[in-house]
Full PDB file with SEQRES, HELIX, SHEET, SSBOND, CRYST1, ORIGX, SCALE, CONECT and MASTER records, all heavy atoms in Angstrom:
SEQRES   1 A   34  TYR ARG ASP PHE ALA THR VAL ILE ILE LEU VAL ASP ILE          
SEQRES   2 A   34  CYS THR VAL PHE PHE ARG SER SER TYR LYS ASP ILE ILE          
SEQRES   3 A   34  ARG ARG GLY TYR LEU ILE GLU LEU                              
HELIX    1 AA1 ARG A    2  ARG A   19  1                                  18    
HELIX    2 AA2 ILE A   25  ARG A   27  5                                   3    
HELIX    3 AA3 TYR A   30  GLU A   33  1                                   4    
CRYST1    1.000    1.000    1.000  90.00  90.00  90.00 P 1           1          
ORIGX1      1.000000  0.000000  0.000000        0.00000                         
ORIGX2      0.000000  1.000000  0.000000        0.00000                         
ORIGX3      0.000000  0.000000  1.000000        0.00000                         
SCALE1      1.000000  0.000000  0.000000        0.00000                         
SCALE2      0.000000  1.000000  0.000000        0.00000                         
SCALE3      0.000000  0.000000  1.000000        0.00000                         
ATOM      1  N   TYR A   1       5.482   8.987 -14.343  1.00  0.00           N  
ATOM      2  CA  TYR A   1       5.278   8.242 -13.103  1.00  0.00           C  
ATOM      3  C   TYR A   1       4.832   9.147 -11.959  1.00  0.00           C  
ATOM      4  O   TYR A   1       4.268   8.661 -10.968  1.00  0.00           O  
ATOM      5  CB  TYR A   1       6.549   7.474 -12.748  1.00  0.00           C  
ATOM      6  CG  TYR A   1       6.728   6.242 -13.612  1.00  0.00           C  
ATOM      7  CD1 TYR A   1       7.620   6.241 -14.678  1.00  0.00           C  
ATOM      8  CD2 TYR A   1       5.967   5.105 -13.381  1.00  0.00           C  
ATOM      9  CE1 TYR A   1       7.767   5.116 -15.491  1.00  0.00           C  
ATOM     10  CE2 TYR A   1       6.112   3.976 -14.181  1.00  0.00           C  
ATOM     11  CZ  TYR A   1       7.003   3.995 -15.234  1.00  0.00           C  
ATOM     12  OH  TYR A   1       7.127   2.887 -16.031  1.00  0.00           O  
ATOM     13  N   ARG A   2       5.053  10.445 -12.085  1.00  0.00           N  
ATOM     14  CA  ARG A   2       4.456  11.355 -11.109  1.00  0.00           C  
ATOM     15  C   ARG A   2       2.936  11.355 -11.269  1.00  0.00           C  
ATOM     16  O   ARG A   2       2.190  11.370 -10.279  1.00  0.00           O  
ATOM     17  CB  ARG A   2       5.013  12.779 -11.278  1.00  0.00           C  
ATOM     18  CG  ARG A   2       6.449  12.913 -10.849  1.00  0.00           C  
ATOM     19  CD  ARG A   2       6.790  14.354 -10.440  1.00  0.00           C  
ATOM     20  NE  ARG A   2       6.642  15.282 -11.540  1.00  0.00           N  
ATOM     21  CZ  ARG A   2       7.613  15.597 -12.388  1.00  0.00           C  
ATOM     22  NH1 ARG A   2       8.799  15.024 -12.274  1.00  0.00           N  
ATOM     23  NH2 ARG A   2       7.408  16.483 -13.339  1.00  0.00           N  
ATOM     24  N   ASP A   3       2.475  11.326 -12.511  1.00  0.00           N  
ATOM     25  CA  ASP A   3       1.036  11.207 -12.767  1.00  0.00           C  
ATOM     26  C   ASP A   3       0.505   9.882 -12.225  1.00  0.00           C  
ATOM     27  O   ASP A   3      -0.586   9.820 -11.653  1.00  0.00           O  
ATOM     28  CB  ASP A   3       0.747  11.303 -14.264  1.00  0.00           C  
ATOM     29  CG  ASP A   3       1.074  12.673 -14.839  1.00  0.00           C  
ATOM     30  OD1 ASP A   3       1.177  13.630 -14.057  1.00  0.00           O  
ATOM     31  OD2 ASP A   3       1.240  12.771 -16.072  1.00  0.00           O  
ATOM     32  N   PHE A   4       1.294   8.826 -12.398  1.00  0.00           N  
ATOM     33  CA  PHE A   4       0.916   7.502 -11.904  1.00  0.00           C  
ATOM     34  C   PHE A   4       0.712   7.522 -10.400  1.00  0.00           C  
ATOM     35  O   PHE A   4      -0.268   6.980  -9.871  1.00  0.00           O  
ATOM     36  CB  PHE A   4       2.005   6.498 -12.301  1.00  0.00           C  
ATOM     37  CG  PHE A   4       1.695   5.074 -11.964  1.00  0.00           C  
ATOM     38  CD1 PHE A   4       0.955   4.282 -12.821  1.00  0.00           C  
ATOM     39  CD2 PHE A   4       2.159   4.506 -10.786  1.00  0.00           C  
ATOM     40  CE1 PHE A   4       0.666   2.960 -12.519  1.00  0.00           C  
ATOM     41  CE2 PHE A   4       1.880   3.192 -10.468  1.00  0.00           C  
ATOM     42  CZ  PHE A   4       1.138   2.420 -11.342  1.00  0.00           C  
ATOM     43  N   ALA A   5       1.645   8.168  -9.684  1.00  0.00           N  
ATOM     44  CA  ALA A   5       1.555   8.244  -8.221  1.00  0.00           C  
ATOM     45  C   ALA A   5       0.315   9.022  -7.787  1.00  0.00           C  
ATOM     46  O   ALA A   5      -0.330   8.676  -6.787  1.00  0.00           O  
ATOM     47  CB  ALA A   5       2.813   8.903  -7.665  1.00  0.00           C  
ATOM     48  N   THR A   6      -0.023  10.066  -8.523  1.00  0.00           N  
ATOM     49  CA  THR A   6      -1.224  10.854  -8.198  1.00  0.00           C  
ATOM     50  C   THR A   6      -2.484  10.037  -8.416  1.00  0.00           C  
ATOM     51  O   THR A   6      -3.419  10.067  -7.597  1.00  0.00           O  
ATOM     52  CB  THR A   6      -1.274  12.126  -9.058  1.00  0.00           C  
ATOM     53  OG1 THR A   6      -0.095  12.896  -8.829  1.00  0.00           O  
ATOM     54  CG2 THR A   6      -2.500  12.956  -8.711  1.00  0.00           C  
ATOM     55  N   VAL A   7      -2.521   9.293  -9.505  1.00  0.00           N  
ATOM     56  CA  VAL A   7      -3.707   8.479  -9.821  1.00  0.00           C  
ATOM     57  C   VAL A   7      -3.906   7.385  -8.778  1.00  0.00           C  
ATOM     58  O   VAL A   7      -5.042   7.036  -8.447  1.00  0.00           O  
ATOM     59  CB  VAL A   7      -3.588   7.878 -11.247  1.00  0.00           C  
ATOM     60  CG1 VAL A   7      -4.670   6.837 -11.488  1.00  0.00           C  
ATOM     61  CG2 VAL A   7      -3.667   8.983 -12.280  1.00  0.00           C  
ATOM     62  N   ILE A   8      -2.827   6.838  -8.240  1.00  0.00           N  
ATOM     63  CA  ILE A   8      -2.939   5.824  -7.188  1.00  0.00           C  
ATOM     64  C   ILE A   8      -3.768   6.374  -6.025  1.00  0.00           C  
ATOM     65  O   ILE A   8      -4.663   5.691  -5.494  1.00  0.00           O  
ATOM     66  CB  ILE A   8      -1.543   5.397  -6.686  1.00  0.00           C  
ATOM     67  CG1 ILE A   8      -0.838   4.543  -7.734  1.00  0.00           C  
ATOM     68  CG2 ILE A   8      -1.660   4.607  -5.372  1.00  0.00           C  
ATOM     69  CD1 ILE A   8       0.599   4.211  -7.380  1.00  0.00           C  
ATOM     70  N   ILE A   9      -3.485   7.615  -5.622  1.00  0.00           N  
ATOM     71  CA  ILE A   9      -4.220   8.229  -4.511  1.00  0.00           C  
ATOM     72  C   ILE A   9      -5.694   8.375  -4.846  1.00  0.00           C  
ATOM     73  O   ILE A   9      -6.572   8.013  -4.049  1.00  0.00           O  
ATOM     74  CB  ILE A   9      -3.613   9.611  -4.173  1.00  0.00           C  
ATOM     75  CG1 ILE A   9      -2.171   9.454  -3.703  1.00  0.00           C  
ATOM     76  CG2 ILE A   9      -4.459  10.311  -3.103  1.00  0.00           C  
ATOM     77  CD1 ILE A   9      -1.454  10.771  -3.492  1.00  0.00           C  
ATOM     78  N   LEU A  10      -5.995   8.878  -6.043  1.00  0.00           N  
ATOM     79  CA  LEU A  10      -7.393   9.100  -6.439  1.00  0.00           C  
ATOM     80  C   LEU A  10      -8.156   7.784  -6.547  1.00  0.00           C  
ATOM     81  O   LEU A  10      -9.311   7.678  -6.089  1.00  0.00           O  
ATOM     82  CB  LEU A  10      -7.439   9.851  -7.771  1.00  0.00           C  
ATOM     83  CG  LEU A  10      -6.812  11.248  -7.774  1.00  0.00           C  
ATOM     84  CD1 LEU A  10      -6.851  11.851  -9.178  1.00  0.00           C  
ATOM     85  CD2 LEU A  10      -7.525  12.158  -6.790  1.00  0.00           C  
ATOM     86  N   VAL A  11      -7.526   6.771  -7.129  1.00  0.00           N  
ATOM     87  CA  VAL A  11      -8.186   5.472  -7.282  1.00  0.00           C  
ATOM     88  C   VAL A  11      -8.404   4.823  -5.919  1.00  0.00           C  
ATOM     89  O   VAL A  11      -9.450   4.207  -5.668  1.00  0.00           O  
ATOM     90  CB  VAL A  11      -7.362   4.544  -8.201  1.00  0.00           C  
ATOM     91  CG1 VAL A  11      -7.951   3.133  -8.211  1.00  0.00           C  
ATOM     92  CG2 VAL A  11      -7.322   5.097  -9.614  1.00  0.00           C  
ATOM     93  N   ASP A  12      -7.446   4.982  -5.025  1.00  0.00           N  
ATOM     94  CA  ASP A  12      -7.595   4.412  -3.680  1.00  0.00           C  
ATOM     95  C   ASP A  12      -8.777   5.046  -2.953  1.00  0.00           C  
ATOM     96  O   ASP A  12      -9.580   4.340  -2.327  1.00  0.00           O  
ATOM     97  CB  ASP A  12      -6.311   4.621  -2.878  1.00  0.00           C  
ATOM     98  CG  ASP A  12      -6.398   4.002  -1.499  1.00  0.00           C  
ATOM     99  OD1 ASP A  12      -6.551   2.769  -1.404  1.00  0.00           O  
ATOM    100  OD2 ASP A  12      -6.334   4.745  -0.503  1.00  0.00           O  
ATOM    101  N   ILE A  13      -8.913   6.361  -3.041  1.00  0.00           N  
ATOM    102  CA  ILE A  13     -10.041   7.047  -2.392  1.00  0.00           C  
ATOM    103  C   ILE A  13     -11.364   6.575  -2.986  1.00  0.00           C  
ATOM    104  O   ILE A  13     -12.330   6.313  -2.253  1.00  0.00           O  
ATOM    105  CB  ILE A  13      -9.886   8.576  -2.539  1.00  0.00           C  
ATOM    106  CG1 ILE A  13      -8.683   9.059  -1.723  1.00  0.00           C  
ATOM    107  CG2 ILE A  13     -11.162   9.290  -2.069  1.00  0.00           C  
ATOM    108  CD1 ILE A  13      -8.348  10.516  -1.929  1.00  0.00           C  
ATOM    109  N   CYS A  14     -11.427   6.429  -4.304  1.00  0.00           N  
ATOM    110  CA  CYS A  14     -12.655   5.940  -4.951  1.00  0.00           C  
ATOM    111  C   CYS A  14     -12.967   4.512  -4.532  1.00  0.00           C  
ATOM    112  O   CYS A  14     -14.133   4.159  -4.294  1.00  0.00           O  
ATOM    113  CB  CYS A  14     -12.511   6.014  -6.474  1.00  0.00           C  
ATOM    114  SG  CYS A  14     -12.471   7.690  -7.139  1.00  0.00           S  
ATOM    115  N   THR A  15     -11.938   3.692  -4.408  1.00  0.00           N  
ATOM    116  CA  THR A  15     -12.133   2.300  -3.979  1.00  0.00           C  
ATOM    117  C   THR A  15     -12.697   2.242  -2.572  1.00  0.00           C  
ATOM    118  O   THR A  15     -13.638   1.476  -2.285  1.00  0.00           O  
ATOM    119  CB  THR A  15     -10.800   1.534  -4.037  1.00  0.00           C  
ATOM    120  OG1 THR A  15     -10.297   1.551  -5.375  1.00  0.00           O  
ATOM    121  CG2 THR A  15     -10.991   0.083  -3.595  1.00  0.00           C  
ATOM    122  N   VAL A  16     -12.139   3.052  -1.686  1.00  0.00           N  
ATOM    123  CA  VAL A  16     -12.635   3.097  -0.307  1.00  0.00           C  
ATOM    124  C   VAL A  16     -14.095   3.530  -0.281  1.00  0.00           C  
ATOM    125  O   VAL A  16     -14.920   2.966   0.456  1.00  0.00           O  
ATOM    126  CB  VAL A  16     -11.777   4.063   0.537  1.00  0.00           C  
ATOM    127  CG1 VAL A  16     -12.419   4.311   1.899  1.00  0.00           C  
ATOM    128  CG2 VAL A  16     -10.381   3.490   0.727  1.00  0.00           C  
ATOM    129  N   PHE A  17     -14.438   4.518  -1.083  1.00  0.00           N  
ATOM    130  CA  PHE A  17     -15.797   5.052  -1.084  1.00  0.00           C  
ATOM    131  C   PHE A  17     -16.808   4.037  -1.609  1.00  0.00           C  
ATOM    132  O   PHE A  17     -17.840   3.781  -0.986  1.00  0.00           O  
ATOM    133  CB  PHE A  17     -15.851   6.329  -1.927  1.00  0.00           C  
ATOM    134  CG  PHE A  17     -17.211   6.957  -1.974  1.00  0.00           C  
ATOM    135  CD1 PHE A  17     -17.651   7.762  -0.928  1.00  0.00           C  
ATOM    136  CD2 PHE A  17     -18.059   6.745  -3.047  1.00  0.00           C  
ATOM    137  CE1 PHE A  17     -18.912   8.343  -0.961  1.00  0.00           C  
ATOM    138  CE2 PHE A  17     -19.318   7.318  -3.094  1.00  0.00           C  
ATOM    139  CZ  PHE A  17     -19.751   8.117  -2.050  1.00  0.00           C  
ATOM    140  N   PHE A  18     -16.509   3.435  -2.751  1.00  0.00           N  
ATOM    141  CA  PHE A  18     -17.492   2.554  -3.393  1.00  0.00           C  
ATOM    142  C   PHE A  18     -17.520   1.152  -2.803  1.00  0.00           C  
ATOM    143  O   PHE A  18     -18.545   0.470  -2.862  1.00  0.00           O  
ATOM    144  CB  PHE A  18     -17.231   2.484  -4.900  1.00  0.00           C  
ATOM    145  CG  PHE A  18     -17.581   3.757  -5.623  1.00  0.00           C  
ATOM    146  CD1 PHE A  18     -16.586   4.599  -6.112  1.00  0.00           C  
ATOM    147  CD2 PHE A  18     -18.902   4.135  -5.795  1.00  0.00           C  
ATOM    148  CE1 PHE A  18     -16.907   5.781  -6.767  1.00  0.00           C  
ATOM    149  CE2 PHE A  18     -19.240   5.308  -6.449  1.00  0.00           C  
ATOM    150  CZ  PHE A  18     -18.237   6.136  -6.942  1.00  0.00           C  
ATOM    151  N   ARG A  19     -16.417   0.683  -2.208  1.00  0.00           N  
ATOM    152  CA  ARG A  19     -16.394  -0.658  -1.629  1.00  0.00           C  
ATOM    153  C   ARG A  19     -16.662  -0.658  -0.125  1.00  0.00           C  
ATOM    154  O   ARG A  19     -16.812  -1.719   0.467  1.00  0.00           O  
ATOM    155  CB  ARG A  19     -15.035  -1.338  -1.856  1.00  0.00           C  
ATOM    156  CG  ARG A  19     -14.759  -1.795  -3.258  1.00  0.00           C  
ATOM    157  CD  ARG A  19     -13.620  -2.803  -3.280  1.00  0.00           C  
ATOM    158  NE  ARG A  19     -14.004  -4.053  -2.650  1.00  0.00           N  
ATOM    159  CZ  ARG A  19     -13.486  -4.522  -1.517  1.00  0.00           C  
ATOM    160  NH1 ARG A  19     -12.590  -3.824  -0.846  1.00  0.00           N  
ATOM    161  NH2 ARG A  19     -13.881  -5.688  -1.022  1.00  0.00           N  
ATOM    162  N   SER A  20     -16.704   0.528   0.489  1.00  0.00           N  
ATOM    163  CA  SER A  20     -16.805   0.597   1.953  1.00  0.00           C  
ATOM    164  C   SER A  20     -15.725  -0.277   2.582  1.00  0.00           C  
ATOM    165  O   SER A  20     -15.982  -1.148   3.419  1.00  0.00           O  
ATOM    166  CB  SER A  20     -18.193   0.153   2.431  1.00  0.00           C  
ATOM    167  OG  SER A  20     -19.191   0.998   1.918  1.00  0.00           O  
ATOM    168  N   SER A  21     -14.480  -0.034   2.148  1.00  0.00           N  
ATOM    169  CA  SER A  21     -13.355  -0.911   2.497  1.00  0.00           C  
ATOM    170  C   SER A  21     -13.093  -1.023   3.994  1.00  0.00           C  
ATOM    171  O   SER A  21     -12.494  -1.992   4.449  1.00  0.00           O  
ATOM    172  CB  SER A  21     -12.087  -0.412   1.803  1.00  0.00           C  
ATOM    173  OG  SER A  21     -12.235  -0.449   0.406  1.00  0.00           O  
ATOM    174  N   TYR A  22     -13.511  -0.020   4.760  1.00  0.00           N  
ATOM    175  CA  TYR A  22     -13.173  -0.019   6.175  1.00  0.00           C  
ATOM    176  C   TYR A  22     -14.350  -0.363   7.076  1.00  0.00           C  
ATOM    177  O   TYR A  22     -14.293  -0.125   8.291  1.00  0.00           O  
ATOM    178  CB  TYR A  22     -12.597   1.346   6.568  1.00  0.00           C  
ATOM    179  CG  TYR A  22     -11.406   1.741   5.732  1.00  0.00           C  
ATOM    180  CD1 TYR A  22     -11.268   3.036   5.232  1.00  0.00           C  
ATOM    181  CD2 TYR A  22     -10.417   0.813   5.416  1.00  0.00           C  
ATOM    182  CE1 TYR A  22     -10.179   3.391   4.457  1.00  0.00           C  
ATOM    183  CE2 TYR A  22      -9.330   1.150   4.638  1.00  0.00           C  
ATOM    184  CZ  TYR A  22      -9.221   2.441   4.159  1.00  0.00           C  
ATOM    185  OH  TYR A  22      -8.134   2.779   3.391  1.00  0.00           O  
ATOM    186  N   LYS A  23     -15.382  -0.948   6.516  1.00  0.00           N  
ATOM    187  CA  LYS A  23     -16.520  -1.353   7.329  1.00  0.00           C  
ATOM    188  C   LYS A  23     -16.099  -2.444   8.310  1.00  0.00           C  
ATOM    189  O   LYS A  23     -15.544  -3.471   7.926  1.00  0.00           O  
ATOM    190  CB  LYS A  23     -17.652  -1.868   6.431  1.00  0.00           C  
ATOM    191  CG  LYS A  23     -18.903  -2.257   7.206  1.00  0.00           C  
ATOM    192  CD  LYS A  23     -20.008  -2.729   6.258  1.00  0.00           C  
ATOM    193  CE  LYS A  23     -21.256  -3.119   7.033  1.00  0.00           C  
ATOM    194  NZ  LYS A  23     -22.327  -3.596   6.135  1.00  0.00           N  
ATOM    195  N   ASP A  24     -16.335  -2.216   9.590  1.00  0.00           N  
ATOM    196  CA  ASP A  24     -15.995  -3.172  10.657  1.00  0.00           C  
ATOM    197  C   ASP A  24     -14.507  -3.510  10.685  1.00  0.00           C  
ATOM    198  O   ASP A  24     -14.116  -4.588  11.149  1.00  0.00           O  
ATOM    199  CB  ASP A  24     -16.803  -4.477  10.505  1.00  0.00           C  
ATOM    200  CG  ASP A  24     -18.289  -4.254  10.703  1.00  0.00           C  
ATOM    201  OD1 ASP A  24     -18.651  -3.360  11.485  1.00  0.00           O  
ATOM    202  OD2 ASP A  24     -19.083  -4.969  10.063  1.00  0.00           O  
ATOM    203  N   ILE A  25     -13.663  -2.607  10.220  1.00  0.00           N  
ATOM    204  CA  ILE A  25     -12.232  -2.938  10.129  1.00  0.00           C  
ATOM    205  C   ILE A  25     -11.614  -3.203  11.499  1.00  0.00           C  
ATOM    206  O   ILE A  25     -10.732  -4.050  11.640  1.00  0.00           O  
ATOM    207  CB  ILE A  25     -11.466  -1.808   9.395  1.00  0.00           C  
ATOM    208  CG1 ILE A  25     -10.018  -2.250   9.122  1.00  0.00           C  
ATOM    209  CG2 ILE A  25     -11.512  -0.502  10.180  1.00  0.00           C  
ATOM    210  CD1 ILE A  25      -9.268  -1.324   8.204  1.00  0.00           C  
ATOM    211  N   ILE A  26     -12.103  -2.539  12.528  1.00  0.00           N  
ATOM    212  CA  ILE A  26     -11.527  -2.721  13.855  1.00  0.00           C  
ATOM    213  C   ILE A  26     -11.809  -4.122  14.390  1.00  0.00           C  
ATOM    214  O   ILE A  26     -11.007  -4.692  15.127  1.00  0.00           O  
ATOM    215  CB  ILE A  26     -12.073  -1.664  14.837  1.00  0.00           C  
ATOM    216  CG1 ILE A  26     -11.740  -0.253  14.338  1.00  0.00           C  
ATOM    217  CG2 ILE A  26     -11.493  -1.864  16.231  1.00  0.00           C  
ATOM    218  CD1 ILE A  26     -10.263   0.025  14.220  1.00  0.00           C  
ATOM    219  N   ARG A  27     -12.925  -4.699  14.007  1.00  0.00           N  
ATOM    220  CA  ARG A  27     -13.337  -6.001  14.538  1.00  0.00           C  
ATOM    221  C   ARG A  27     -12.904  -7.178  13.661  1.00  0.00           C  
ATOM    222  O   ARG A  27     -13.122  -8.324  14.026  1.00  0.00           O  
ATOM    223  CB  ARG A  27     -14.861  -6.037  14.706  1.00  0.00           C  
ATOM    224  CG  ARG A  27     -15.381  -4.972  15.661  1.00  0.00           C  
ATOM    225  CD  ARG A  27     -16.895  -5.059  15.794  1.00  0.00           C  
ATOM    226  NE  ARG A  27     -17.416  -4.005  16.633  1.00  0.00           N  
ATOM    227  CZ  ARG A  27     -17.458  -4.041  17.962  1.00  0.00           C  
ATOM    228  NH1 ARG A  27     -17.010  -5.098  18.596  1.00  0.00           N  
ATOM    229  NH2 ARG A  27     -17.943  -3.028  18.647  1.00  0.00           N  
ATOM    230  N   ARG A  28     -12.328  -6.923  12.524  1.00  0.00           N  
ATOM    231  CA  ARG A  28     -11.948  -8.014  11.625  1.00  0.00           C  
ATOM    232  C   ARG A  28     -10.829  -8.871  12.210  1.00  0.00           C  
ATOM    233  O   ARG A  28      -9.900  -8.357  12.822  1.00  0.00           O  
ATOM    234  CB  ARG A  28     -11.465  -7.454  10.287  1.00  0.00           C  
ATOM    235  CG  ARG A  28     -12.518  -6.792   9.426  1.00  0.00           C  
ATOM    236  CD  ARG A  28     -11.850  -6.234   8.192  1.00  0.00           C  
ATOM    237  NE  ARG A  28     -12.722  -5.359   7.443  1.00  0.00           N  
ATOM    238  CZ  ARG A  28     -12.298  -4.508   6.517  1.00  0.00           C  
ATOM    239  NH1 ARG A  28     -11.013  -4.452   6.238  1.00  0.00           N  
ATOM    240  NH2 ARG A  28     -13.155  -3.728   5.885  1.00  0.00           N  
ATOM    241  N   GLY A  29     -10.927 -10.185  11.942  1.00  0.00           N  
ATOM    242  CA  GLY A  29      -9.847 -11.090  12.300  1.00  0.00           C  
ATOM    243  C   GLY A  29      -8.769 -11.078  11.234  1.00  0.00           C  
ATOM    244  O   GLY A  29      -8.866 -10.388  10.219  1.00  0.00           O  
ATOM    245  N   TYR A  30      -7.724 -11.882  11.438  1.00  0.00           N  
ATOM    246  CA  TYR A  30      -6.582 -11.879  10.533  1.00  0.00           C  
ATOM    247  C   TYR A  30      -6.951 -12.319   9.115  1.00  0.00           C  
ATOM    248  O   TYR A  30      -6.535 -11.692   8.136  1.00  0.00           O  
ATOM    249  CB  TYR A  30      -5.480 -12.793  11.081  1.00  0.00           C  
ATOM    250  CG  TYR A  30      -4.895 -12.325  12.389  1.00  0.00           C  
ATOM    251  CD1 TYR A  30      -5.070 -13.051  13.561  1.00  0.00           C  
ATOM    252  CD2 TYR A  30      -4.165 -11.142  12.456  1.00  0.00           C  
ATOM    253  CE1 TYR A  30      -4.533 -12.616  14.763  1.00  0.00           C  
ATOM    254  CE2 TYR A  30      -3.621 -10.695  13.655  1.00  0.00           C  
ATOM    255  CZ  TYR A  30      -3.820 -11.440  14.802  1.00  0.00           C  
ATOM    256  OH  TYR A  30      -3.290 -10.988  15.983  1.00  0.00           O  
ATOM    257  N   LEU A  31      -7.713 -13.401   8.990  1.00  0.00           N  
ATOM    258  CA  LEU A  31      -8.033 -13.921   7.662  1.00  0.00           C  
ATOM    259  C   LEU A  31      -8.978 -12.991   6.905  1.00  0.00           C  
ATOM    260  O   LEU A  31      -8.819 -12.781   5.698  1.00  0.00           O  
ATOM    261  CB  LEU A  31      -8.644 -15.323   7.776  1.00  0.00           C  
ATOM    262  CG  LEU A  31      -7.690 -16.418   8.267  1.00  0.00           C  
ATOM    263  CD1 LEU A  31      -8.409 -17.753   8.356  1.00  0.00           C  
ATOM    264  CD2 LEU A  31      -6.488 -16.538   7.330  1.00  0.00           C  
ATOM    265  N   ILE A  32      -9.964 -12.450   7.607  1.00  0.00           N  
ATOM    266  CA  ILE A  32     -10.881 -11.518   6.951  1.00  0.00           C  
ATOM    267  C   ILE A  32     -10.128 -10.267   6.508  1.00  0.00           C  
ATOM    268  O   ILE A  32     -10.345  -9.751   5.405  1.00  0.00           O  
ATOM    269  CB  ILE A  32     -12.042 -11.143   7.893  1.00  0.00           C  
ATOM    270  CG1 ILE A  32     -12.890 -12.384   8.197  1.00  0.00           C  
ATOM    271  CG2 ILE A  32     -12.904 -10.040   7.285  1.00  0.00           C  
ATOM    272  CD1 ILE A  32     -14.021 -12.130   9.178  1.00  0.00           C  
ATOM    273  N   GLU A  33      -9.218  -9.796   7.355  1.00  0.00           N  
ATOM    274  CA  GLU A  33      -8.421  -8.618   6.984  1.00  0.00           C  
ATOM    275  C   GLU A  33      -7.547  -8.904   5.776  1.00  0.00           C  
ATOM    276  O   GLU A  33      -7.396  -8.049   4.882  1.00  0.00           O  
ATOM    277  CB  GLU A  33      -7.554  -8.180   8.164  1.00  0.00           C  
ATOM    278  CG  GLU A  33      -6.900  -6.824   7.959  1.00  0.00           C  
ATOM    279  CD  GLU A  33      -7.924  -5.726   7.755  1.00  0.00           C  
ATOM    280  OE1 GLU A  33      -8.736  -5.481   8.659  1.00  0.00           O  
ATOM    281  OE2 GLU A  33      -7.920  -5.126   6.658  1.00  0.00           O  
ATOM    282  N   LEU A  34      -6.969 -10.098   5.713  1.00  0.00           N  
ATOM    283  CA  LEU A  34      -6.148 -10.469   4.564  1.00  0.00           C  
ATOM    284  C   LEU A  34      -6.994 -10.482   3.295  1.00  0.00           C  
ATOM    285  O   LEU A  34      -6.576  -9.954   2.256  1.00  0.00           O  
ATOM    286  CB  LEU A  34      -5.512 -11.837   4.789  1.00  0.00           C  
ATOM    287  CG  LEU A  34      -4.670 -12.382   3.630  1.00  0.00           C  
ATOM    288  CD1 LEU A  34      -3.514 -11.435   3.311  1.00  0.00           C  
ATOM    289  CD2 LEU A  34      -4.154 -13.777   3.957  1.00  0.00           C  
TER     290      LEU A  34                                                      
MASTER        0    0    0    3    0    0    0    6  289    1    0    3          
END                                                                             
């Protein structure tokens, strides 16, 4: 599970990079953010 915790970080960074997860994040409303 230590390996699991490390992989969570790596997968999250890859998700942010490939999905552009934070595009316009400051301007998003509640439903779009959800």
